Amino acid sequence: MQYLHNYSKLESQQKGIPVLSFFTGAGFLDIAFIQAGFNPLWTNECNPYFVRGYAHGMTLLTGVETRISNITPIEHVGPNQIMLEAFGKGVRPELFGIIGGPPCPDFSVGGKNKGREGEKGKLSQVFINRIIEIQPTFFLMENVPGFMRTAKHKEFFLELISQLSKDYLIDYSIINALEAGVPQDRERLFVAGFHRKWIKSKTRKKNVPIIDNWFPWKDNLPFPNAKSMYSWPSVSPFRAEPPRPDGIPAELMVGSYINDTHVTENLPNGRDVLIPKSSKLFDIAEGDVSRKSFKRLHRWRYSPTAAYGNNEVHLHPFEPRRLTVREALRIQTVPDIYALPRSMPLTMKFKTISNGVPVKLGFVIAQSIKKVIVGGLLI
């Protein structure tokens, strides 16, 4: 089934528009860009677990040995070194981009909330500095909505946008992964920018006008307003076999991905599961996600944000257990051929999955960038 995102091995990454991938994690955003015709030829990640996860999963996915290019913290890797490692001495492609999601806990509503002063929050400035120093044709930054919605952080966010605006025409938007065909209520902030010199060369205009909402964020979303458009079921008693509602697209419901447990348990990571000893596994109703922990998914509804940590992983709709690693990967729309290594601790596997951009969401955004590159800007 197409909505399961169960692709065979991707083509070699030696083709496509080159991008430099910052804060690569285990590669979910890279997968999306590869599928859209880009080539993440340089990657940077310093978390050793994410580095191992990327190498294992991306090698399986691409069919060629794949490793993180640079594992030094990005604040210690200068622009000249990045360009040399990515393209070679004296080489600068006419068209290339930078993509990445700086760590978000310091801007998250449920995180540390330290903003620009936090150790993770400072990396957003580093990311912007590298864009300004390297001057790619385009860039994409991903972060949590709290970066723009929270008054405390919005000032810093707009300051970063101002720093970029001299060289780039910028647009930003908050997109819900559900609208992209991901069975998950997960909002993310995206910032896209294209270099003004590139725009001038394409449009043959002396000046690039300041316009709002120019980027085609919504053009490729298959299910706009999905959260409010359908009649979603609420709560059912545990193991009560609630009927499947009519009219809701299959790919927006978690059951389409995880109901067939005899299939998922035989896939890679299909038996990797945390086993808590608690009566709550039997007591909580299907679809009850009201509590902070022990949220039980509804098979015919989307999942809350896959934010797993401290051994807290959502409960399976009709089995007395938490989700397996494979089920969590499916909810993030990661292809089944991708897998995390057996040697990685379970808690780190779930953290790795939580930190990633859902592949279908990343794919939609990558398609929109491709649309601008191929079709030009209507300004």
Protein backbone atom coordinates (compact mmCIF):
# COMPACT_ATOMS: atom_id res chain seq x y z
CA MET A 1 0.00 0.00 0.00
CA GLN A 2 1.43 3.36 -1.07
CA TYR A 3 0.56 5.15 2.17
CA LEU A 4 2.86 2.82 4.08
CA HIS A 5 5.79 4.48 2.30
CA ASN A 6 7.27 1.04 1.76
CA TYR A 7 9.78 1.87 -0.94
CA SER A 8 12.51 -0.38 -2.25
CA LYS A 9 16.10 0.78 -2.14
CA LEU A 10 16.56 4.36 -3.23
CA GLU A 11 18.84 5.27 -6.07
CA SER A 12 22.41 6.26 -5.34
CA GLN A 13 22.82 9.72 -3.88
CA GLN A 14 25.23 10.69 -6.67
CA LYS A 15 22.41 12.37 -8.61
CA GLY A 16 20.20 15.33 -7.95
CA ILE A 17 20.54 18.90 -6.68
CA PRO A 18 23.25 18.97 -4.00
CA VAL A 19 22.35 19.91 -0.44
CA LEU A 20 24.40 20.18 2.74
CA SER A 21 22.57 18.57 5.64
CA PHE A 22 23.11 20.09 9.11
CA PHE A 23 21.91 18.42 12.33
CA THR A 24 21.26 15.36 10.19
CA GLY A 25 20.13 13.05 13.00
CA ALA A 26 19.26 9.63 11.64
CA GLY A 27 18.49 11.04 8.20
CA PHE A 28 14.70 11.33 7.94
CA LEU A 29 14.80 14.77 6.27
CA ASP A 30 17.57 13.53 3.99
CA ILE A 31 15.37 10.61 2.90
CA ALA A 32 12.61 13.06 1.99
CA PHE A 33 14.97 15.22 -0.06
CA ILE A 34 16.45 12.21 -1.87
CA GLN A 35 12.95 11.11 -2.82
CA ALA A 36 12.29 14.62 -4.19
CA GLY A 37 15.40 14.57 -6.38
CA PHE A 38 18.06 16.15 -4.18
CA ASN A 39 21.49 14.82 -3.22
CA PRO A 40 22.58 15.27 0.43
CA LEU A 41 26.26 14.89 -0.36
CA TRP A 42 27.53 16.35 2.93
CA THR A 43 26.05 15.61 6.34
CA ASN A 44 26.88 16.69 9.89
CA GLU A 45 25.84 15.02 13.15
CA CYS A 46 27.73 14.70 16.42
CA ASN A 47 25.41 12.53 18.55
CA PRO A 48 27.12 9.10 18.41
CA TYR A 49 23.82 7.21 18.55
CA PHE A 50 22.34 9.22 15.70
CA VAL A 51 25.55 8.74 13.73
CA ARG A 52 25.26 4.97 14.11
CA GLY A 53 21.56 5.03 13.31
CA TYR A 54 22.16 7.05 10.14
CA ALA A 55 24.91 4.77 8.90
CA HIS A 56 22.88 1.61 9.47
CA GLY A 57 19.54 2.85 8.18
CA MET A 58 20.74 4.87 5.20
CA THR A 59 23.02 2.08 4.00
CA LEU A 60 20.05 -0.28 3.99
CA LEU A 61 17.89 2.33 2.27
CA THR A 62 20.25 3.43 -0.48
CA GLY A 63 21.96 0.13 -1.14
CA VAL A 64 25.40 1.74 -0.85
CA GLU A 65 27.56 2.29 2.23
CA THR A 66 26.54 5.64 3.69
CA ARG A 67 28.10 7.48 6.60
CA ILE A 68 27.84 10.89 8.23
CA SER A 69 30.39 13.12 6.49
CA ASN A 70 31.48 15.10 9.53
CA ILE A 71 30.85 14.21 13.19
CA THR A 72 32.38 17.33 14.77
CA PRO A 73 29.93 19.71 16.51
CA ILE A 74 28.92 22.22 13.84
CA GLU A 75 30.01 25.23 15.91
CA HIS A 76 33.57 23.93 15.47
CA VAL A 77 33.34 23.38 11.71
CA GLY A 78 33.95 26.49 9.64
CA PRO A 79 32.46 27.34 6.23
CA ASN A 80 35.69 26.76 4.30
CA GLN A 81 36.07 23.27 5.73
CA ILE A 82 32.43 22.46 4.94
CA MET A 83 32.76 23.55 1.31
CA LEU A 84 36.06 21.71 0.88
CA GLU A 85 34.65 18.47 2.29
CA ALA A 86 31.45 18.76 0.28
CA PHE A 87 32.69 19.85 -3.14
CA GLY A 88 36.48 19.78 -3.20
CA LYS A 89 39.06 22.54 -3.47
CA GLY A 90 37.97 25.54 -5.49
CA VAL A 91 34.63 24.02 -6.52
CA ARG A 92 31.35 25.84 -6.00
CA PRO A 93 28.21 24.55 -7.74
CA GLU A 94 25.93 27.06 -9.40
CA LEU A 95 22.96 25.55 -7.53
CA PHE A 96 23.03 23.98 -4.06
CA GLY A 97 21.24 24.27 -0.74
CA ILE A 98 21.51 23.89 3.02
CA ILE A 99 18.89 22.03 5.04
CA GLY A 100 18.59 21.29 8.73
CA GLY A 101 16.68 21.42 11.96
CA PRO A 102 18.67 22.95 14.82
CA PRO A 103 17.90 21.25 18.17
CA CYS A 104 14.58 22.55 19.48
CA PRO A 105 14.21 21.76 23.24
CA ASP A 106 15.03 25.34 24.23
CA PHE A 107 12.11 26.63 22.12
CA SER A 108 9.63 23.84 22.77
CA VAL A 109 6.57 24.47 24.96
CA GLY A 110 7.29 21.21 26.76
CA GLY A 111 11.06 21.66 26.72
CA LYS A 112 13.63 23.65 28.65
CA ASN A 113 12.39 27.01 27.32
CA LYS A 114 15.82 28.67 27.67
CA GLY A 115 15.62 30.09 24.16
CA ARG A 116 18.73 31.67 22.67
CA GLU A 117 20.59 31.31 25.96
CA GLY A 118 20.24 27.52 26.07
CA GLU A 119 23.06 25.30 24.86
CA LYS A 120 20.79 23.89 22.16
CA GLY A 121 19.15 27.23 21.42
CA LYS A 122 22.50 28.80 20.57
CA LEU A 123 22.87 26.36 17.69
CA SER A 124 20.12 28.14 15.75
CA GLN A 125 22.40 31.17 15.52
CA VAL A 126 25.28 28.93 14.44
CA PHE A 127 23.08 27.48 11.69
CA ILE A 128 22.16 30.96 10.44
CA ASN A 129 25.82 32.01 10.59
CA ARG A 130 26.82 29.08 8.36
CA ILE A 131 24.12 29.97 5.82
CA ILE A 132 25.31 33.58 5.66
CA GLU A 133 28.95 32.50 5.42
CA ILE A 134 28.44 29.79 2.78
CA GLN A 135 25.79 31.64 0.72
CA PRO A 136 23.91 28.64 -0.73
CA THR A 137 21.33 29.16 -3.44
CA PHE A 138 18.56 28.14 -1.05
CA PHE A 139 18.05 26.89 2.48
CA LEU A 140 15.45 25.22 4.65
CA MET A 141 15.30 25.41 8.45
CA GLU A 142 12.93 23.27 10.54
CA ASN A 143 11.99 23.87 14.17
CA VAL A 144 9.11 23.75 16.65
CA PRO A 145 6.19 26.23 16.40
CA GLY A 146 7.10 27.64 19.83
CA PHE A 147 10.12 29.34 18.21
CA MET A 148 7.70 31.72 16.49
CA ARG A 149 4.58 31.57 18.65
CA THR A 150 6.13 32.16 22.06
CA ALA A 151 6.72 35.86 22.66
CA LYS A 152 9.95 35.14 24.53
CA HIS A 153 11.43 33.35 21.52
CA LYS A 154 9.78 35.23 18.65
CA GLU A 155 12.09 38.22 19.10
CA PHE A 156 15.10 35.96 18.55
CA PHE A 157 13.39 34.24 15.62
CA LEU A 158 12.69 37.55 13.87
CA GLU A 159 16.24 38.66 14.59
CA LEU A 160 17.54 35.60 12.73
CA ILE A 161 15.17 36.28 9.84
CA SER A 162 16.46 39.85 9.70
CA GLN A 163 20.05 38.62 9.50
CA LEU A 164 19.16 36.45 6.52
CA SER A 165 16.96 38.97 4.70
CA LYS A 166 19.82 40.98 3.26
CA ASP A 167 20.83 38.12 0.99
CA TYR A 168 17.68 35.98 0.88
CA LEU A 169 14.02 36.28 0.06
CA ILE A 170 12.43 34.42 2.96
CA ASP A 171 9.08 32.89 3.82
CA TYR A 172 8.02 30.77 6.78
CA SER A 173 5.01 28.73 7.78
CA ILE A 174 3.79 26.25 10.38
CA ILE A 175 2.70 23.01 8.73
CA ASN A 176 0.92 20.08 10.35
CA ALA A 177 2.32 16.70 9.30
CA LEU A 178 -1.24 15.35 9.13
CA GLU A 179 -1.87 17.55 6.10
CA ALA A 180 1.07 15.89 4.35
CA GLY A 181 -0.35 12.39 4.78
CA VAL A 182 1.41 11.52 8.05
CA PRO A 183 -0.87 9.80 10.64
CA GLN A 184 0.27 12.26 13.28
CA ASP A 185 -0.80 15.61 14.72
CA ARG A 186 2.64 17.21 14.54
CA GLU A 187 3.10 20.90 13.79
CA ARG A 188 6.48 22.13 12.64
CA LEU A 189 7.87 25.53 11.69
CA PHE A 190 9.65 25.74 8.35
CA VAL A 191 11.70 28.65 7.03
CA ALA A 192 12.69 28.69 3.36
CA GLY A 193 14.92 31.17 1.59
CA PHE A 194 16.28 31.72 -1.91
CA HIS A 195 19.25 33.91 -2.67
CA ARG A 196 18.31 37.28 -4.13
CA LYS A 197 21.06 37.09 -6.75
CA TRP A 198 19.68 33.77 -7.96
CA ILE A 199 16.17 35.19 -8.12
CA LYS A 200 17.38 38.21 -10.08
CA SER A 201 19.16 35.94 -12.55
CA LYS A 202 16.00 33.88 -13.05
CA THR A 203 13.51 36.75 -13.24
CA ARG A 204 15.82 39.29 -14.88
CA LYS A 205 14.64 41.93 -12.45
CA LYS A 206 17.02 44.47 -10.96
CA ASN A 207 15.34 44.31 -7.58
CA VAL A 208 13.54 41.55 -5.72
CA PRO A 209 10.31 42.98 -4.32
CA ILE A 210 9.33 42.35 -0.72
CA ILE A 211 6.24 40.15 -0.82
CA ASP A 212 4.40 37.98 1.66
CA ASN A 213 3.43 34.35 1.33
CA TRP A 214 5.36 33.76 -1.87
CA PHE A 215 6.54 30.23 -1.12
CA PRO A 216 4.21 27.39 -2.25
CA TRP A 217 3.85 25.79 1.21
CA LYS A 218 0.35 24.48 0.62
CA ASP A 219 0.57 23.52 -3.06
CA ASN A 220 1.72 19.96 -2.47
CA LEU A 221 -0.23 19.15 0.69
CA PRO A 222 -2.56 16.23 -0.15
CA PHE A 223 -4.83 16.73 2.89
CA PRO A 224 -5.16 20.44 3.74
CA ASN A 225 -7.15 21.13 6.92
CA ALA A 226 -7.28 17.39 7.63
CA LYS A 227 -7.59 17.83 11.38
CA SER A 228 -10.87 19.75 11.09
CA MET A 229 -12.19 18.26 7.87
CA TYR A 230 -13.06 14.76 9.05
CA SER A 231 -15.26 13.33 11.80
CA TRP A 232 -12.60 11.69 13.94
CA PRO A 233 -13.59 9.05 16.52
CA SER A 234 -12.89 9.90 20.14
CA VAL A 235 -12.56 7.16 22.80
CA SER A 236 -13.56 3.49 22.87
CA PRO A 237 -13.23 0.90 25.66
CA PHE A 238 -10.00 -1.07 25.41
CA ARG A 239 -10.39 -4.02 23.02
CA ALA A 240 -13.91 -3.01 22.08
CA GLU A 241 -13.32 -3.26 18.28
CA PRO A 242 -14.57 0.22 17.28
CA PRO A 243 -15.94 0.32 13.72
CA ARG A 244 -13.87 2.02 11.08
CA PRO A 245 -15.47 5.37 10.19
CA ASP A 246 -16.35 6.24 6.61
CA GLY A 247 -14.76 9.08 4.73
CA ILE A 248 -11.39 9.30 6.49
CA PRO A 249 -8.40 8.59 4.21
CA ALA A 250 -6.64 5.39 5.28
CA GLU A 251 -3.18 6.95 5.39
CA LEU A 252 -4.23 9.44 8.07
CA MET A 253 -5.19 6.70 10.58
CA VAL A 254 -2.54 4.89 12.61
CA GLY A 255 -4.35 1.58 12.20
CA SER A 256 -3.43 1.53 8.53
CA TYR A 257 0.20 1.32 9.59
CA ILE A 258 0.17 -0.81 12.74
CA ASN A 259 -3.03 -2.91 12.86
CA ASP A 260 -1.40 -5.87 11.08
CA THR A 261 0.87 -6.86 13.95
CA HIS A 262 1.74 -10.20 12.34
CA VAL A 263 3.33 -8.12 9.56
CA THR A 264 5.02 -5.38 11.58
CA GLU A 265 6.54 -7.73 14.16
CA ASN A 266 8.41 -9.56 11.40
CA LEU A 267 9.90 -6.39 9.95
CA PRO A 268 13.28 -4.99 11.09
CA ASN A 269 12.89 -3.47 14.60
CA GLY A 270 9.45 -5.10 14.75
CA ARG A 271 10.06 -6.72 18.14
CA ASP A 272 11.98 -3.85 19.73
CA VAL A 273 9.64 -2.71 22.49
CA LEU A 274 9.78 -1.31 26.01
CA ILE A 275 7.95 -3.56 28.49
CA PRO A 276 6.56 -1.60 31.44
CA LYS A 277 4.91 -3.45 34.33
CA SER A 278 1.72 -1.52 34.92
CA SER A 279 -2.00 -2.27 35.10
CA LYS A 280 -2.54 0.90 33.05
CA LEU A 281 -1.72 -1.13 29.96
CA PHE A 282 -5.15 -2.77 30.39
CA ASP A 283 -7.09 0.09 31.96
CA ILE A 284 -6.67 2.98 29.51
CA ALA A 285 -9.32 3.31 26.81
CA GLU A 286 -8.46 3.28 23.14
CA GLY A 287 -7.96 6.84 21.99
CA ASP A 288 -7.42 8.29 25.47
CA VAL A 289 -4.52 10.69 24.94
CA SER A 290 -5.59 13.19 27.58
CA ARG A 291 -2.89 12.34 30.11
CA LYS A 292 0.78 13.32 30.01
CA SER A 293 1.93 9.71 29.90
CA PHE A 294 0.37 6.38 28.91
CA LYS A 295 -1.40 7.86 25.89
CA ARG A 296 -3.26 5.13 24.02
CA LEU A 297 -3.68 5.59 20.28
CA HIS A 298 -6.98 5.04 18.48
CA ARG A 299 -6.66 2.77 15.48
CA TRP A 300 -8.94 4.99 13.36
CA ARG A 301 -7.45 8.30 14.39
CA TYR A 302 -4.12 10.10 13.99
CA SER A 303 -1.43 9.88 16.65
CA PRO A 304 -0.42 12.76 18.91
CA THR A 305 3.07 14.09 18.23
CA ALA A 306 5.57 11.25 18.38
CA ALA A 307 7.64 12.81 21.16
CA TYR A 308 9.07 9.85 23.00
CA GLY A 309 11.41 10.22 25.95
CA ASN A 310 12.16 8.88 29.41
CA ASN A 311 10.74 5.50 28.35
CA GLU A 312 7.40 7.16 27.52
CA VAL A 313 6.14 5.71 24.24
CA HIS A 314 2.51 5.74 23.14
CA LEU A 315 0.40 2.64 23.80
CA HIS A 316 -0.79 0.34 21.04
CA PRO A 317 -4.52 0.77 20.29
CA PHE A 318 -5.68 -2.78 21.06
CA GLU A 319 -2.70 -4.61 22.56
CA PRO A 320 -1.52 -4.15 26.19
CA ARG A 321 1.90 -2.74 25.31
CA ARG A 322 3.76 0.26 24.00
CA LEU A 323 4.54 0.74 20.32
CA THR A 324 7.48 -1.09 18.85
CA VAL A 325 10.33 0.73 17.15
CA ARG A 326 9.01 -0.34 13.75
CA GLU A 327 5.53 0.93 14.53
CA ALA A 328 6.98 4.26 15.65
CA LEU A 329 9.03 4.45 12.45
CA ARG A 330 5.90 3.80 10.42
CA ILE A 331 4.04 6.58 12.20
CA GLN A 332 6.94 8.81 11.15
CA THR A 333 6.41 7.42 7.59
CA VAL A 334 9.93 6.05 7.38
CA PRO A 335 10.27 3.34 4.70
CA ASP A 336 10.24 -0.22 6.03
CA ILE A 337 13.63 -1.01 4.48
CA TYR A 338 15.21 1.53 6.82
CA ALA A 339 16.12 0.12 10.24
CA LEU A 340 18.04 1.12 13.34
CA PRO A 341 20.92 -1.11 14.52
CA ARG A 342 20.31 -3.85 17.06
CA SER A 343 23.12 -2.52 19.24
CA MET A 344 21.42 0.83 19.79
CA PRO A 345 19.69 1.08 23.22
CA LEU A 346 15.91 1.09 22.99
CA THR A 347 15.57 4.48 24.64
CA MET A 348 17.94 5.99 22.06
CA LYS A 349 16.05 4.35 19.21
CA PHE A 350 12.87 6.09 20.31
CA LYS A 351 14.67 9.39 20.87
CA THR A 352 16.15 9.12 17.38
CA ILE A 353 12.71 8.56 15.90
CA SER A 354 11.15 11.41 17.89
CA ASN A 355 13.77 13.90 16.73
CA GLY A 356 13.22 13.21 13.05
CA VAL A 357 11.06 15.07 10.56
CA PRO A 358 8.28 12.77 9.29
CA VAL A 359 9.44 11.67 5.87
CA LYS A 360 6.20 12.50 4.07
CA LEU A 361 6.19 15.98 5.56
CA GLY A 362 9.78 16.56 4.53
CA PHE A 363 8.98 15.26 1.05
CA VAL A 364 6.15 17.76 0.57
CA ILE A 365 8.42 20.64 1.60
CA ALA A 366 11.23 19.37 -0.63
CA GLN A 367 8.79 19.20 -3.54
CA SER A 368 7.85 22.83 -2.94
CA ILE A 369 11.52 23.85 -3.03
CA LYS A 370 11.93 21.88 -6.25
CA LYS A 371 8.91 23.67 -7.69
CA VAL A 372 10.53 27.05 -7.07
CA ILE A 373 13.82 25.89 -8.60
CA VAL A 374 12.26 24.39 -11.70
CA GLY A 375 9.40 26.82 -12.24
CA GLY A 376 10.90 30.03 -10.94
CA LEU A 377 9.17 32.59 -8.76
CA LEU A 378 5.94 34.24 -9.78
CA ILE A 379 6.92 37.72 -8.64
